[in-house]
N, C-alpha and C. Protein backbone atom coordinates (compact mmCIF):
# COMPACT_ATOMS: atom_id res chain seq x y z
N MET A 1 12.87 21.89 6.62
CA MET A 1 11.87 20.72 7.31
C MET A 1 12.28 19.32 6.18
N THR A 2 11.70 18.73 7.15
CA THR A 2 11.88 16.65 7.38
C THR A 2 10.85 16.54 6.14
N ASP A 3 11.08 15.82 5.45
CA ASP A 3 10.16 14.87 4.66
C ASP A 3 9.62 13.89 5.49
N LEU A 4 7.97 14.22 5.60
CA LEU A 4 7.59 13.58 6.09
C LEU A 4 6.35 11.91 5.86
N THR A 5 6.68 11.60 3.96
CA THR A 5 6.32 11.47 3.54
C THR A 5 6.89 9.86 3.66
N PRO A 6 5.72 8.82 4.45
CA PRO A 6 6.00 7.22 4.91
C PRO A 6 5.95 6.61 3.19
N ASP A 7 6.87 5.46 3.78
CA ASP A 7 6.86 4.36 2.51
C ASP A 7 5.96 2.92 3.20
N ALA A 8 4.97 3.86 4.27
CA ALA A 8 4.12 2.56 4.36
C ALA A 8 3.71 3.23 6.05
N VAL A 9 1.84 2.80 6.28
CA VAL A 9 1.40 3.71 6.87
C VAL A 9 0.89 2.29 7.89
N LEU A 10 0.73 1.96 9.22
CA LEU A 10 -0.10 1.74 10.12
C LEU A 10 -0.73 1.88 10.93
N ASP A 11 -2.39 1.59 10.79
CA ASP A 11 -3.25 2.24 11.20
C ASP A 11 -3.83 1.84 12.15
N ALA A 12 -3.33 1.60 13.49
CA ALA A 12 -3.68 1.02 15.02
C ALA A 12 -4.85 1.69 15.54
N SER A 13 -5.69 2.15 14.64
CA SER A 13 -7.17 3.72 15.51
C SER A 13 -7.54 1.72 15.70
N GLY A 14 -8.10 2.68 17.44
CA GLY A 14 -9.01 1.81 17.59
C GLY A 14 -7.69 0.27 18.46
N LEU A 15 -7.24 0.15 18.53
CA LEU A 15 -6.32 -0.87 19.30
C LEU A 15 -6.04 -0.23 20.79
N ASN A 16 -5.76 -1.14 21.17
CA ASN A 16 -5.05 -0.88 22.51
C ASN A 16 -3.74 -1.77 22.94
N CYS A 17 -3.36 -1.04 23.95
CA CYS A 17 -2.07 -1.67 24.06
C CYS A 17 -2.21 -3.36 24.69
N PRO A 18 -1.18 -4.28 24.42
CA PRO A 18 -0.17 -4.23 23.49
C PRO A 18 -0.17 -4.03 21.63
N GLU A 19 -1.99 -3.99 21.56
CA GLU A 19 -1.62 -4.51 20.10
C GLU A 19 -0.99 -3.50 19.00
N PRO A 20 -0.81 -2.74 19.27
CA PRO A 20 0.08 -1.12 18.67
C PRO A 20 0.88 -1.45 18.23
N VAL A 21 1.84 -1.79 19.09
CA VAL A 21 3.44 -2.63 19.68
C VAL A 21 3.26 -2.96 18.72
N MET A 22 2.56 -4.83 19.02
CA MET A 22 2.98 -5.39 18.29
C MET A 22 3.30 -5.59 16.39
N MET A 23 1.77 -4.67 16.04
CA MET A 23 1.94 -4.73 14.76
C MET A 23 2.51 -3.36 13.72
N LEU A 24 3.36 -2.70 15.34
CA LEU A 24 4.37 -1.78 14.91
C LEU A 24 6.00 -2.64 14.41
N HIS A 25 5.88 -3.60 15.15
CA HIS A 25 6.97 -5.19 15.20
C HIS A 25 7.14 -5.44 14.04
N GLN A 26 5.71 -5.78 13.40
CA GLN A 26 5.75 -6.46 12.28
C GLN A 26 5.39 -6.01 11.51
N HIS A 27 5.36 -4.51 11.15
CA HIS A 27 5.36 -3.29 10.31
C HIS A 27 7.05 -2.78 9.66
N VAL A 28 7.69 -2.93 10.86
CA VAL A 28 9.10 -2.44 10.89
C VAL A 28 10.25 -3.82 9.77
N ARG A 29 9.41 -4.21 10.80
CA ARG A 29 10.15 -6.18 9.80
C ARG A 29 10.19 -5.57 8.46
N ASP A 30 8.92 -5.36 7.80
CA ASP A 30 8.76 -5.88 6.99
C ASP A 30 9.09 -4.70 5.71
N LEU A 31 9.64 -3.56 6.47
CA LEU A 31 10.09 -2.31 5.87
C LEU A 31 11.43 -2.38 5.26
N ALA A 32 11.23 -1.60 4.46
CA ALA A 32 13.48 -1.67 4.02
C ALA A 32 14.12 -0.65 5.06
N ALA A 33 15.46 -1.08 5.17
CA ALA A 33 15.54 -0.07 5.79
C ALA A 33 16.05 0.75 5.55
N GLY A 34 16.02 2.06 6.24
CA GLY A 34 15.99 3.85 5.98
C GLY A 34 14.67 3.34 5.81
N GLY A 35 13.38 3.13 5.45
CA GLY A 35 11.81 3.53 5.21
C GLY A 35 11.26 4.37 6.52
N LEU A 36 10.39 4.94 6.37
CA LEU A 36 9.89 5.77 7.11
C LEU A 36 8.36 5.03 6.90
N LEU A 37 7.97 4.43 7.87
CA LEU A 37 6.71 4.34 8.93
C LEU A 37 5.69 4.65 8.92
N LYS A 38 4.28 5.77 9.21
CA LYS A 38 3.77 6.26 10.04
C LYS A 38 3.04 5.52 10.55
N VAL A 39 2.85 5.33 11.77
CA VAL A 39 1.87 4.74 12.70
C VAL A 39 0.76 5.90 13.41
N ILE A 40 -0.22 5.07 13.05
CA ILE A 40 -1.35 6.62 13.75
C ILE A 40 -2.67 5.10 14.18
N ALA A 41 -2.19 6.18 15.91
CA ALA A 41 -2.84 5.48 17.03
C ALA A 41 -3.41 6.00 17.75
N THR A 42 -4.55 5.44 18.32
CA THR A 42 -5.64 6.20 19.35
C THR A 42 -5.40 5.70 20.52
N ASP A 43 -4.62 5.31 21.44
CA ASP A 43 -4.53 4.72 22.42
C ASP A 43 -3.05 5.32 23.59
N PRO A 44 -3.71 5.98 24.53
CA PRO A 44 -2.17 7.03 24.88
C PRO A 44 -1.60 6.71 25.74
N SER A 45 -1.41 5.47 25.67
CA SER A 45 0.06 4.21 26.29
C SER A 45 0.95 4.76 25.29
N THR A 46 0.75 4.78 24.07
CA THR A 46 1.50 4.64 22.88
C THR A 46 2.42 6.02 23.14
N ARG A 47 2.12 6.99 23.20
CA ARG A 47 3.02 8.12 23.88
C ARG A 47 4.71 7.24 24.37
N ARG A 48 4.40 6.61 25.26
CA ARG A 48 5.70 5.82 26.11
C ARG A 48 5.96 4.72 25.37
N ASP A 49 5.04 3.90 24.76
CA ASP A 49 5.52 2.36 24.60
C ASP A 49 6.14 2.58 22.62
N ILE A 50 5.83 3.89 22.30
CA ILE A 50 6.34 3.88 20.91
C ILE A 50 7.76 4.33 20.97
N PRO A 51 8.26 6.11 21.31
CA PRO A 51 9.53 5.72 21.91
C PRO A 51 10.22 4.88 22.53
N LYS A 52 9.40 4.33 22.86
CA LYS A 52 10.89 2.83 23.72
C LYS A 52 10.84 1.26 22.98
N PHE A 53 10.39 1.81 22.28
CA PHE A 53 10.30 0.78 21.48
C PHE A 53 11.35 1.16 20.32
N CYS A 54 11.09 2.20 19.94
CA CYS A 54 12.61 2.98 18.65
C CYS A 54 14.08 3.38 19.78
N VAL A 55 13.78 3.53 21.18
CA VAL A 55 14.78 3.56 21.33
C VAL A 55 15.49 1.89 21.78
N PHE A 56 14.62 1.14 21.95
CA PHE A 56 15.00 -0.12 22.23
C PHE A 56 15.64 -1.45 21.45
N LEU A 57 15.05 -0.92 19.99
CA LEU A 57 15.42 -1.45 18.42
C LEU A 57 16.66 -0.15 18.02
N GLY A 58 16.29 0.80 18.16
CA GLY A 58 17.46 1.60 17.29
C GLY A 58 16.63 2.01 16.64
N HIS A 59 15.86 2.20 16.12
CA HIS A 59 14.92 3.15 15.29
C HIS A 59 15.08 4.62 15.18
N ASP A 60 14.72 5.38 14.68
CA ASP A 60 14.83 7.09 14.79
C ASP A 60 13.39 7.53 15.06
N LEU A 61 12.29 7.55 16.15
CA LEU A 61 11.38 8.57 15.73
C LEU A 61 11.66 9.90 15.23
N VAL A 62 11.43 10.26 13.94
CA VAL A 62 11.63 11.52 13.54
C VAL A 62 9.94 12.27 14.41
N GLU A 63 9.13 11.81 14.09
CA GLU A 63 8.59 13.43 14.47
C GLU A 63 7.20 12.38 15.72
N GLN A 64 6.29 12.84 16.35
CA GLN A 64 5.28 12.73 16.99
C GLN A 64 4.58 13.69 17.02
N GLN A 65 2.97 13.91 17.04
CA GLN A 65 2.14 14.78 17.19
C GLN A 65 0.96 14.15 17.84
N GLU A 66 0.24 14.98 17.93
CA GLU A 66 -1.04 14.49 18.79
C GLU A 66 -2.25 15.41 18.61
N GLN A 67 -3.66 14.68 17.38
CA GLN A 67 -4.16 15.32 17.22
C GLN A 67 -5.60 15.18 17.41
N ALA A 68 -6.20 16.35 18.59
CA ALA A 68 -7.89 15.28 18.56
C ALA A 68 -7.72 13.84 19.24
N GLY A 69 -6.67 13.62 19.93
CA GLY A 69 -7.05 11.83 20.35
C GLY A 69 -6.48 10.71 19.33
N THR A 70 -5.80 11.70 18.63
CA THR A 70 -5.10 10.26 17.32
C THR A 70 -3.58 10.82 17.66
N TYR A 71 -2.73 9.74 17.05
CA TYR A 71 -1.62 10.24 18.39
C TYR A 71 -0.93 9.96 16.63
N LEU A 72 0.07 10.50 15.67
CA LEU A 72 0.86 10.40 15.21
C LEU A 72 2.45 10.14 15.04
N TYR A 73 2.89 9.15 14.61
CA TYR A 73 4.38 8.95 14.43
C TYR A 73 4.90 8.37 13.59
N TRP A 74 5.86 9.03 13.21
CA TRP A 74 6.96 8.73 12.08
C TRP A 74 8.05 8.18 12.53
N ILE A 75 8.78 7.00 12.02
CA ILE A 75 9.64 6.05 12.19
C ILE A 75 10.06 5.47 11.37
N ARG A 76 11.81 5.86 11.36
CA ARG A 76 12.58 5.49 10.33
C ARG A 76 13.40 4.44 10.99
N LYS A 77 13.10 3.25 10.21
CA LYS A 77 13.95 1.66 10.46
C LYS A 77 15.40 2.02 10.35
N ASN A 78 15.61 1.51 11.58
CA ASN A 78 17.73 1.50 10.92
C ASN A 78 18.32 0.98 9.98
N ALA A 79 19.47 1.14 10.00
CA ALA A 79 20.09 0.41 8.76
C ALA A 79 20.38 -0.84 8.98
N GLY A 80 20.62 -1.43 10.13
CA GLY A 80 21.07 -2.86 10.51
C GLY A 80 20.09 -3.91 10.36
């Protein structure tokens, strides 16, 4: 099983597109290479936007879950 203990948490609950991804960009920038960021969001558009963000910037979307209208993502920052 993958260890999903994050190095940092971004709670973007209640925010709508594009705010969660804008905040994600800043949080990933501040994270050390290889660090794991947990994102908590309530905007359904993050299901599309966050995976695209990871592909575009080369980060690893380790895990993605949905729990009662809350979307959870674990993103590992690329080493570059």
